[in-house]
Amino acid sequence: MDKDTYEKKMQAQLDQWKAEIEKLQAQSREASADMQAKYNDQISDLRERRNEMERHYEKVQSASQEVWKDFKTGADQAWDNMSNAMKSAWNRFG
């Protein structure tokens, strides 16, 4: 996969995760007070992970064509962590 394709894939996934986090936030407003606290903890964690992914995206985006793959490994790991966290949240609350 080339750099441009990878960047587009990352941006699309970041947008999707943002939308999913917003859906969870909307669901939390309808939950009981006890469940809202659990939602909020999970949502806070998801936002932190998404922000980490955003930082990796920015590194890849600003890297030259020759060195962007050096940043790809960290981005891939953050991507996997975020994907797993989203799946866990949807299994728990979705």
PDB file of N, CA and C in Angstrom:
ATOM      1  N   MET A   1       0.849  -1.173   0.000  1.00  0.00           N
ATOM      2  CA  MET A   1       0.000   0.000   0.000  1.00  0.00           C
ATOM      3  C   MET A   1       0.896   1.238   0.000  1.00  0.00           C
ATOM      4  N   ASP A   2       0.574   2.186  -0.847  1.00  0.00           N
ATOM      5  CA  ASP A   2       1.394   3.393  -0.897  1.00  0.00           C
ATOM      6  C   ASP A   2       0.926   4.399   0.171  1.00  0.00           C
ATOM      7  N   LYS A   3       1.710   5.443   0.336  1.00  0.00           N
ATOM      8  CA  LYS A   3       1.473   6.436   1.385  1.00  0.00           C
ATOM      9  C   LYS A   3       0.118   7.118   1.227  1.00  0.00           C
ATOM     10  N   ASP A   4      -0.214   7.547   0.033  1.00  0.00           N
ATOM     11  CA  ASP A   4      -1.485   8.250  -0.179  1.00  0.00           C
ATOM     12  C   ASP A   4      -2.681   7.362   0.154  1.00  0.00           C
ATOM     13  N   THR A   5      -2.632   6.118  -0.265  1.00  0.00           N
ATOM     14  CA  THR A   5      -3.718   5.178   0.019  1.00  0.00           C
ATOM     15  C   THR A   5      -3.822   4.936   1.518  1.00  0.00           C
ATOM     16  N   TYR A   6      -2.688   4.781   2.168  1.00  0.00           N
ATOM     17  CA  TYR A   6      -2.665   4.559   3.617  1.00  0.00           C
ATOM     18  C   TYR A   6      -3.252   5.761   4.354  1.00  0.00           C
ATOM     19  N   GLU A   7      -2.876   6.960   3.945  1.00  0.00           N
ATOM     20  CA  GLU A   7      -3.411   8.174   4.569  1.00  0.00           C
ATOM     21  C   GLU A   7      -4.928   8.254   4.408  1.00  0.00           C
ATOM     22  N   LYS A   8      -5.422   7.963   3.223  1.00  0.00           N
ATOM     23  CA  LYS A   8      -6.865   8.010   2.976  1.00  0.00           C
ATOM     24  C   LYS A   8      -7.591   6.980   3.833  1.00  0.00           C
ATOM     25  N   LYS A   9      -7.000   5.807   3.943  1.00  0.00           N
ATOM     26  CA  LYS A   9      -7.593   4.749   4.764  1.00  0.00           C
ATOM     27  C   LYS A   9      -7.637   5.180   6.231  1.00  0.00           C
ATOM     28  N   MET A  10      -6.547   5.777   6.703  1.00  0.00           N
ATOM     29  CA  MET A  10      -6.498   6.250   8.087  1.00  0.00           C
ATOM     30  C   MET A  10      -7.530   7.344   8.334  1.00  0.00           C
ATOM     31  N   GLN A  11      -7.635   8.310   7.426  1.00  0.00           N
ATOM     32  CA  GLN A  11      -8.577   9.409   7.600  1.00  0.00           C
ATOM     33  C   GLN A  11     -10.014   8.903   7.614  1.00  0.00           C
ATOM     34  N   ALA A  12     -10.332   7.981   6.727  1.00  0.00           N
ATOM     35  CA  ALA A  12     -11.684   7.415   6.686  1.00  0.00           C
ATOM     36  C   ALA A  12     -11.996   6.686   7.990  1.00  0.00           C
ATOM     37  N   GLN A  13     -11.028   5.950   8.506  1.00  0.00           N
ATOM     38  CA  GLN A  13     -11.255   5.214   9.751  1.00  0.00           C
ATOM     39  C   GLN A  13     -11.380   6.170  10.930  1.00  0.00           C
ATOM     40  N   LEU A  14     -10.567   7.211  10.966  1.00  0.00           N
ATOM     41  CA  LEU A  14     -10.679   8.211  12.033  1.00  0.00           C
ATOM     42  C   LEU A  14     -12.066   8.856  12.026  1.00  0.00           C
ATOM     43  N   ASP A  15     -12.568   9.170  10.841  1.00  0.00           N
ATOM     44  CA  ASP A  15     -13.907   9.752  10.718  1.00  0.00           C
ATOM     45  C   ASP A  15     -14.973   8.775  11.210  1.00  0.00           C
ATOM     46  N   GLN A  16     -14.822   7.505  10.854  1.00  0.00           N
ATOM     47  CA  GLN A  16     -15.790   6.497  11.283  1.00  0.00           C
ATOM     48  C   GLN A  16     -15.768   6.347  12.805  1.00  0.00           C
ATOM     49  N   TRP A  17     -14.578   6.291  13.382  1.00  0.00           N
ATOM     50  CA  TRP A  17     -14.484   6.160  14.843  1.00  0.00           C
ATOM     51  C   TRP A  17     -15.091   7.366  15.542  1.00  0.00           C
ATOM     52  N   LYS A  18     -14.892   8.547  14.987  1.00  0.00           N
ATOM     53  CA  LYS A  18     -15.485   9.748  15.579  1.00  0.00           C
ATOM     54  C   LYS A  18     -17.006   9.620  15.598  1.00  0.00           C
ATOM     55  N   ALA A  19     -17.571   9.176  14.493  1.00  0.00           N
ATOM     56  CA  ALA A  19     -19.029   9.008  14.406  1.00  0.00           C
ATOM     57  C   ALA A  19     -19.517   7.954  15.395  1.00  0.00           C
ATOM     58  N   GLU A  20     -18.785   6.865  15.534  1.00  0.00           N
ATOM     59  CA  GLU A  20     -19.179   5.811  16.461  1.00  0.00           C
ATOM     60  C   GLU A  20     -19.100   6.287  17.913  1.00  0.00           C
ATOM     61  N   ILE A  21     -18.090   7.059  18.227  1.00  0.00           N
ATOM     62  CA  ILE A  21     -17.971   7.610  19.583  1.00  0.00           C
ATOM     63  C   ILE A  21     -19.143   8.542  19.863  1.00  0.00           C
ATOM     64  N   GLU A  22     -19.515   9.333  18.871  1.00  0.00           N
ATOM     65  CA  GLU A  22     -20.663  10.233  19.035  1.00  0.00           C
ATOM     66  C   GLU A  22     -21.959   9.447  19.236  1.00  0.00           C
ATOM     67  N   LYS A  23     -22.109   8.302  18.553  1.00  0.00           N
ATOM     68  CA  LYS A  23     -23.287   7.454  18.751  1.00  0.00           C
ATOM     69  C   LYS A  23     -23.325   6.909  20.177  1.00  0.00           C
ATOM     70  N   LEU A  24     -22.168   6.463  20.666  1.00  0.00           N
ATOM     71  CA  LEU A  24     -22.108   5.977  22.049  1.00  0.00           C
ATOM     72  C   LEU A  24     -22.456   7.096  23.025  1.00  0.00           C
ATOM     73  N   GLN A  25     -21.978   8.297  22.747  1.00  0.00           N
ATOM     74  CA  GLN A  25     -22.278   9.445  23.600  1.00  0.00           C
ATOM     75  C   GLN A  25     -23.787   9.694  23.621  1.00  0.00           C
ATOM     76  N   ALA A  26     -24.426   9.607  22.471  1.00  0.00           N
ATOM     77  CA  ALA A  26     -25.879   9.805  22.400  1.00  0.00           C
ATOM     78  C   ALA A  26     -26.615   8.711  23.178  1.00  0.00           C
ATOM     79  N   GLN A  27     -26.162   7.474  23.072  1.00  0.00           N
ATOM     80  CA  GLN A  27     -26.779   6.378  23.815  1.00  0.00           C
ATOM     81  C   GLN A  27     -26.626   6.577  25.314  1.00  0.00           C
ATOM     82  N   SER A  28     -25.495   7.124  25.717  1.00  0.00           N
ATOM     83  CA  SER A  28     -25.228   7.286  27.152  1.00  0.00           C
ATOM     84  C   SER A  28     -26.223   8.250  27.788  1.00  0.00           C
ATOM     85  N   ARG A  29     -26.700   9.210  27.012  1.00  0.00           N
ATOM     86  CA  ARG A  29     -27.652  10.186  27.552  1.00  0.00           C
ATOM     87  C   ARG A  29     -28.975   9.547  27.929  1.00  0.00           C
ATOM     88  N   GLU A  30     -29.273   8.398  27.335  1.00  0.00           N
ATOM     89  CA  GLU A  30     -30.527   7.712  27.606  1.00  0.00           C
ATOM     90  C   GLU A  30     -30.375   6.617  28.653  1.00  0.00           C
ATOM     91  N   ALA A  31     -29.190   6.400  29.129  1.00  0.00           N
ATOM     92  CA  ALA A  31     -28.924   5.330  30.084  1.00  0.00           C
ATOM     93  C   ALA A  31     -29.151   5.808  31.525  1.00  0.00           C
ATOM     94  N   SER A  32     -29.224   4.842  32.426  1.00  0.00           N
ATOM     95  CA  SER A  32     -29.352   5.172  33.841  1.00  0.00           C
ATOM     96  C   SER A  32     -28.074   5.858  34.318  1.00  0.00           C
ATOM     97  N   ALA A  33     -28.159   6.493  35.471  1.00  0.00           N
ATOM     98  CA  ALA A  33     -26.997   7.221  36.009  1.00  0.00           C
ATOM     99  C   ALA A  33     -25.796   6.295  36.172  1.00  0.00           C
ATOM    100  N   ASP A  34     -26.027   5.082  36.659  1.00  0.00           N
ATOM    101  CA  ASP A  34     -24.941   4.116  36.847  1.00  0.00           C
ATOM    102  C   ASP A  34     -24.308   3.746  35.512  1.00  0.00           C
ATOM    103  N   MET A  35     -25.151   3.493  34.524  1.00  0.00           N
ATOM    104  CA  MET A  35     -24.636   3.135  33.201  1.00  0.00           C
ATOM    105  C   MET A  35     -23.961   4.328  32.528  1.00  0.00           C
ATOM    106  N   GLN A  36     -24.445   5.534  32.776  1.00  0.00           N
ATOM    107  CA  GLN A  36     -23.812   6.717  32.194  1.00  0.00           C
ATOM    108  C   GLN A  36     -22.363   6.826  32.623  1.00  0.00           C
ATOM    109  N   ALA A  37     -22.095   6.522  33.888  1.00  0.00           N
ATOM    110  CA  ALA A  37     -20.712   6.571  34.374  1.00  0.00           C
ATOM    111  C   ALA A  37     -19.841   5.566  33.623  1.00  0.00           C
ATOM    112  N   LYS A  38     -20.370   4.376  33.379  1.00  0.00           N
ATOM    113  CA  LYS A  38     -19.618   3.355  32.647  1.00  0.00           C
ATOM    114  C   LYS A  38     -19.410   3.789  31.190  1.00  0.00           C
ATOM    115  N   TYR A  39     -20.468   4.313  30.600  1.00  0.00           N
ATOM    116  CA  TYR A  39     -20.345   4.846  29.240  1.00  0.00           C
ATOM    117  C   TYR A  39     -19.265   5.926  29.188  1.00  0.00           C
ATOM    118  N   ASN A  40     -19.330   6.860  30.112  1.00  0.00           N
ATOM    119  CA  ASN A  40     -18.401   7.990  30.089  1.00  0.00           C
ATOM    120  C   ASN A  40     -16.960   7.537  30.236  1.00  0.00           C
ATOM    121  N   ASP A  41     -16.714   6.534  31.088  1.00  0.00           N
ATOM    122  CA  ASP A  41     -15.355   5.996  31.216  1.00  0.00           C
ATOM    123  C   ASP A  41     -14.893   5.398  29.896  1.00  0.00           C
ATOM    124  N   GLN A  42     -15.768   4.624  29.279  1.00  0.00           N
ATOM    125  CA  GLN A  42     -15.427   3.976  28.006  1.00  0.00           C
ATOM    126  C   GLN A  42     -15.222   5.020  26.912  1.00  0.00           C
ATOM    127  N   ILE A  43     -16.098   6.008  26.859  1.00  0.00           N
ATOM    128  CA  ILE A  43     -16.007   7.053  25.845  1.00  0.00           C
ATOM    129  C   ILE A  43     -14.728   7.867  26.020  1.00  0.00           C
ATOM    130  N   SER A  44     -14.374   8.149  27.245  1.00  0.00           N
ATOM    131  CA  SER A  44     -13.133   8.880  27.518  1.00  0.00           C
ATOM    132  C   SER A  44     -11.925   8.089  27.013  1.00  0.00           C
ATOM    133  N   ASP A  45     -11.925   6.787  27.283  1.00  0.00           N
ATOM    134  CA  ASP A  45     -10.834   5.930  26.811  1.00  0.00           C
ATOM    135  C   ASP A  45     -10.785   5.911  25.279  1.00  0.00           C
ATOM    136  N   LEU A  46     -11.945   5.813  24.647  1.00  0.00           N
ATOM    137  CA  LEU A  46     -11.992   5.785  23.179  1.00  0.00           C
ATOM    138  C   LEU A  46     -11.479   7.093  22.586  1.00  0.00           C
ATOM    139  N   ARG A  47     -11.854   8.197  23.199  1.00  0.00           N
ATOM    140  CA  ARG A  47     -11.378   9.493  22.700  1.00  0.00           C
ATOM    141  C   ARG A  47      -9.863   9.609  22.825  1.00  0.00           C
ATOM    142  N   GLU A  48      -9.310   9.128  23.935  1.00  0.00           N
ATOM    143  CA  GLU A  48      -7.850   9.161  24.111  1.00  0.00           C
ATOM    144  C   GLU A  48      -7.167   8.311  23.042  1.00  0.00           C
ATOM    145  N   ARG A  49      -7.718   7.133  22.798  1.00  0.00           N
ATOM    146  CA  ARG A  49      -7.128   6.248  21.789  1.00  0.00           C
ATOM    147  C   ARG A  49      -7.246   6.852  20.393  1.00  0.00           C
ATOM    148  N   ARG A  50      -8.377   7.494  20.108  1.00  0.00           N
ATOM    149  CA  ARG A  50      -8.556   8.131  18.813  1.00  0.00           C
ATOM    150  C   ARG A  50      -7.580   9.291  18.654  1.00  0.00           C
ATOM    151  N   ASN A  51      -7.366  10.052  19.721  1.00  0.00           N
ATOM    152  CA  ASN A  51      -6.392  11.144  19.673  1.00  0.00           C
ATOM    153  C   ASN A  51      -4.994  10.607  19.404  1.00  0.00           C
ATOM    154  N   GLU A  52      -4.663   9.466  20.002  1.00  0.00           N
ATOM    155  CA  GLU A  52      -3.362   8.836  19.748  1.00  0.00           C
ATOM    156  C   GLU A  52      -3.263   8.444  18.279  1.00  0.00           C
ATOM    157  N   MET A  53      -4.340   7.897  17.748  1.00  0.00           N
ATOM    158  CA  MET A  53      -4.354   7.515  16.338  1.00  0.00           C
ATOM    159  C   MET A  53      -4.206   8.744  15.450  1.00  0.00           C
ATOM    160  N   GLU A  54      -4.838   9.834  15.845  1.00  0.00           N
ATOM    161  CA  GLU A  54      -4.731  11.095  15.104  1.00  0.00           C
ATOM    162  C   GLU A  54      -3.274  11.573  15.073  1.00  0.00           C
ATOM    163  N   ARG A  55      -2.559  11.436  16.176  1.00  0.00           N
ATOM    164  CA  ARG A  55      -1.139  11.830  16.226  1.00  0.00           C
ATOM    165  C   ARG A  55      -0.310  10.971  15.272  1.00  0.00           C
ATOM    166  N   HIS A  56      -0.597   9.678  15.236  1.00  0.00           N
ATOM    167  CA  HIS A  56       0.115   8.803  14.299  1.00  0.00           C
ATOM    168  C   HIS A  56      -0.200   9.190  12.859  1.00  0.00           C
ATOM    169  N   TYR A  57      -1.450   9.516  12.606  1.00  0.00           N
ATOM    170  CA  TYR A  57      -1.857   9.950  11.268  1.00  0.00           C
ATOM    171  C   TYR A  57      -1.071  11.194  10.853  1.00  0.00           C
ATOM    172  N   GLU A  58      -0.942  12.144  11.766  1.00  0.00           N
ATOM    173  CA  GLU A  58      -0.211  13.375  11.462  1.00  0.00           C
ATOM    174  C   GLU A  58       1.261  13.087  11.168  1.00  0.00           C
ATOM    175  N   LYS A  59       1.848  12.133  11.875  1.00  0.00           N
ATOM    176  CA  LYS A  59       3.250  11.770  11.615  1.00  0.00           C
ATOM    177  C   LYS A  59       3.401  11.170  10.224  1.00  0.00           C
ATOM    178  N   VAL A  60       2.492  10.269   9.888  1.00  0.00           N
ATOM    179  CA  VAL A  60       2.549   9.645   8.563  1.00  0.00           C
ATOM    180  C   VAL A  60       2.345  10.704   7.484  1.00  0.00           C
ATOM    181  N   GLN A  61       1.374  11.582   7.723  1.00  0.00           N
ATOM    182  CA  GLN A  61       1.043  12.615   6.747  1.00  0.00           C
ATOM    183  C   GLN A  61       2.220  13.557   6.495  1.00  0.00           C
ATOM    184  N   SER A  62       2.946  13.903   7.544  1.00  0.00           N
ATOM    185  CA  SER A  62       4.040  14.860   7.391  1.00  0.00           C
ATOM    186  C   SER A  62       5.361  14.210   6.974  1.00  0.00           C
ATOM    187  N   ALA A  63       5.411  12.888   7.005  1.00  0.00           N
ATOM    188  CA  ALA A  63       6.649  12.181   6.658  1.00  0.00           C
ATOM    189  C   ALA A  63       6.856  12.194   5.146  1.00  0.00           C
ATOM    190  N   SER A  64       8.096  12.149   4.778  1.00  0.00           N
ATOM    191  CA  SER A  64       8.419  12.072   3.352  1.00  0.00           C
ATOM    192  C   SER A  64       8.044  10.695   2.807  1.00  0.00           C
ATOM    193  N   GLN A  65       8.006  10.606   1.511  1.00  0.00           N
ATOM    194  CA  GLN A  65       7.659   9.352   0.838  1.00  0.00           C
ATOM    195  C   GLN A  65       8.640   8.247   1.229  1.00  0.00           C
ATOM    196  N   GLU A  66       9.883   8.617   1.524  1.00  0.00           N
ATOM    197  CA  GLU A  66      10.916   7.631   1.820  1.00  0.00           C
ATOM    198  C   GLU A  66      10.823   7.071   3.234  1.00  0.00           C
ATOM    199  N   VAL A  67      10.363   7.875   4.205  1.00  0.00           N
ATOM    200  CA  VAL A  67      10.417   7.434   5.606  1.00  0.00           C
ATOM    201  C   VAL A  67       9.056   7.187   6.240  1.00  0.00           C
ATOM    202  N   TRP A  68       7.959   7.366   5.523  1.00  0.00           N
ATOM    203  CA  TRP A  68       6.648   7.228   6.139  1.00  0.00           C
ATOM    204  C   TRP A  68       6.421   5.834   6.708  1.00  0.00           C
ATOM    205  N   LYS A  69       7.044   4.826   6.088  1.00  0.00           N
ATOM    206  CA  LYS A  69       6.852   3.449   6.572  1.00  0.00           C
ATOM    207  C   LYS A  69       7.445   3.254   7.969  1.00  0.00           C
ATOM    208  N   ASP A  70       8.405   4.106   8.345  1.00  0.00           N
ATOM    209  CA  ASP A  70       8.947   4.041   9.703  1.00  0.00           C
ATOM    210  C   ASP A  70       7.867   4.362  10.733  1.00  0.00           C
ATOM    211  N   PHE A  71       6.922   5.198  10.375  1.00  0.00           N
ATOM    212  CA  PHE A  71       5.838   5.574  11.275  1.00  0.00           C
ATOM    213  C   PHE A  71       4.656   4.605  11.185  1.00  0.00           C
ATOM    214  N   LYS A  72       4.611   3.836  10.110  1.00  0.00           N
ATOM    215  CA  LYS A  72       3.486   2.939   9.857  1.00  0.00           C
ATOM    216  C   LYS A  72       3.334   1.880  10.945  1.00  0.00           C
ATOM    217  N   THR A  73       4.422   1.345  11.456  1.00  0.00           N
ATOM    218  CA  THR A  73       4.353   0.301  12.471  1.00  0.00           C
ATOM    219  C   THR A  73       3.633   0.797  13.722  1.00  0.00           C
ATOM    220  N   GLY A  74       4.009   1.967  14.207  1.00  0.00           N
ATOM    221  CA  GLY A  74       3.342   2.542  15.372  1.00  0.00           C
ATOM    222  C   GLY A  74       1.888   2.851  15.090  1.00  0.00           C
ATOM    223  N   ALA A  75       1.614   3.348  13.893  1.00  0.00           N
ATOM    224  CA  ALA A  75       0.242   3.663  13.503  1.00  0.00           C
ATOM    225  C   ALA A  75      -0.594   2.387  13.422  1.00  0.00           C
ATOM    226  N   ASP A  76      -0.025   1.336  12.873  1.00  0.00           N
ATOM    227  CA  ASP A  76      -0.750   0.062  12.783  1.00  0.00           C
ATOM    228  C   ASP A  76      -1.086  -0.489  14.160  1.00  0.00           C
ATOM    229  N   GLN A  77      -0.153  -0.371  15.085  1.00  0.00           N
ATOM    230  CA  GLN A  77      -0.402  -0.852  16.450  1.00  0.00           C
ATOM    231  C   GLN A  77      -1.495  -0.014  17.121  1.00  0.00           C
ATOM    232  N   ALA A  78      -1.438   1.300  16.966  1.00  0.00           N
ATOM    233  CA  ALA A  78      -2.471   2.173  17.527  1.00  0.00           C
ATOM    234  C   ALA A  78      -3.819   1.868  16.872  1.00  0.00           C
ATOM    235  N   TRP A  79      -3.801   1.588  15.584  1.00  0.00           N
ATOM    236  CA  TRP A  79      -5.013   1.251  14.842  1.00  0.00           C
ATOM    237  C   TRP A  79      -5.651  -0.006  15.439  1.00  0.00           C
ATOM    238  N   ASP A  80      -4.822  -1.047  15.655  1.00  0.00           N
ATOM    239  CA  ASP A  80      -5.335  -2.293  16.228  1.00  0.00           C
ATOM    240  C   ASP A  80      -5.909  -2.064  17.630  1.00  0.00           C
ATOM    241  N   ASN A  81      -5.211  -1.270  18.434  1.00  0.00           N
ATOM    242  CA  ASN A  81      -5.686  -0.970  19.785  1.00  0.00           C
ATOM    243  C   ASN A  81      -7.034  -0.257  19.744  1.00  0.00           C
ATOM    244  N   MET A  82      -7.162   0.707  18.848  1.00  0.00           N
ATOM    245  CA  MET A  82      -8.409   1.458  18.723  1.00  0.00           C
ATOM    246  C   MET A  82      -9.528   0.562  18.215  1.00  0.00           C
ATOM    247  N   SER A  83      -9.245  -0.269  17.232  1.00  0.00           N
ATOM    248  CA  SER A  83     -10.259  -1.192  16.695  1.00  0.00           C
ATOM    249  C   SER A  83     -10.774  -2.121  17.785  1.00  0.00           C
ATOM    250  N   ASN A  84      -9.865  -2.675  18.557  1.00  0.00           N
ATOM    251  CA  ASN A  84     -10.261  -3.582  19.639  1.00  0.00           C
ATOM    252  C   ASN A  84     -11.076  -2.856  20.705  1.00  0.00           C
ATOM    253  N   ALA A  85     -10.688  -1.631  21.025  1.00  0.00           N
ATOM    254  CA  ALA A  85     -11.430  -0.851  22.019  1.00  0.00           C
ATOM    255  C   ALA A  85     -12.832  -0.522  21.519  1.00  0.00           C
ATOM    256  N   MET A  86     -12.972  -0.195  20.235  1.00  0.00           N
ATOM    257  CA  MET A  86     -14.292   0.095  19.676  1.00  0.00           C
ATOM    258  C   MET A  86     -15.169  -1.154  19.693  1.00  0.00           C
ATOM    259  N   LYS A  87     -14.607  -2.290  19.307  1.00  0.00           N
ATOM    260  CA  LYS A  87     -15.377  -3.540  19.325  1.00  0.00           C
ATOM    261  C   LYS A  87     -15.841  -3.853  20.740  1.00  0.00           C
ATOM    262  N   SER A  88     -14.953  -3.680  21.684  1.00  0.00           N
ATOM    263  CA  SER A  88     -15.292  -3.933  23.082  1.00  0.00           C
ATOM    264  C   SER A  88     -16.416  -3.020  23.557  1.00  0.00           C
ATOM    265  N   ALA A  89     -16.345  -1.750  23.201  1.00  0.00           N
ATOM    266  CA  ALA A  89     -17.379  -0.789  23.600  1.00  0.00           C
ATOM    267  C   ALA A  89     -18.720  -1.157  22.986  1.00  0.00           C
ATOM    268  N   TRP A  90     -18.734  -1.503  21.706  1.00  0.00           N
ATOM    269  CA  TRP A  90     -19.994  -1.850  21.053  1.00  0.00           C
ATOM    270  C   TRP A  90     -20.557  -3.154  21.591  1.00  0.00           C
ATOM    271  N   ASN A  91     -19.686  -4.098  21.936  1.00  0.00           N
ATOM    272  CA  ASN A  91     -20.166  -5.347  22.540  1.00  0.00           C
ATOM    273  C   ASN A  91     -20.761  -5.094  23.920  1.00  0.00           C
ATOM    274  N   ARG A  92     -20.199  -4.146  24.607  1.00  0.00           N
ATOM    275  CA  ARG A  92     -20.653  -3.839  25.963  1.00  0.00           C
ATOM    276  C   ARG A  92     -21.906  -2.984  25.971  1.00  0.00           C
ATOM    277  N   PHE A  93     -21.965  -1.988  25.096  1.00  0.00           N
ATOM    278  CA  PHE A  93     -23.052  -1.018  25.136  1.00  0.00           C
ATOM    279  C   PHE A  93     -23.948  -1.010  23.905  1.00  0.00           C
ATOM    280  N   GLY A  94     -23.455  -1.508  22.786  1.00  0.00           N
ATOM    281  CA  GLY A  94     -24.168  -1.372  21.523  1.00  0.00           C
ATOM    282  C   GLY A  94     -25.358  -2.252  21.339  1.00  0.00           C
TER     283      GLY A  94
END
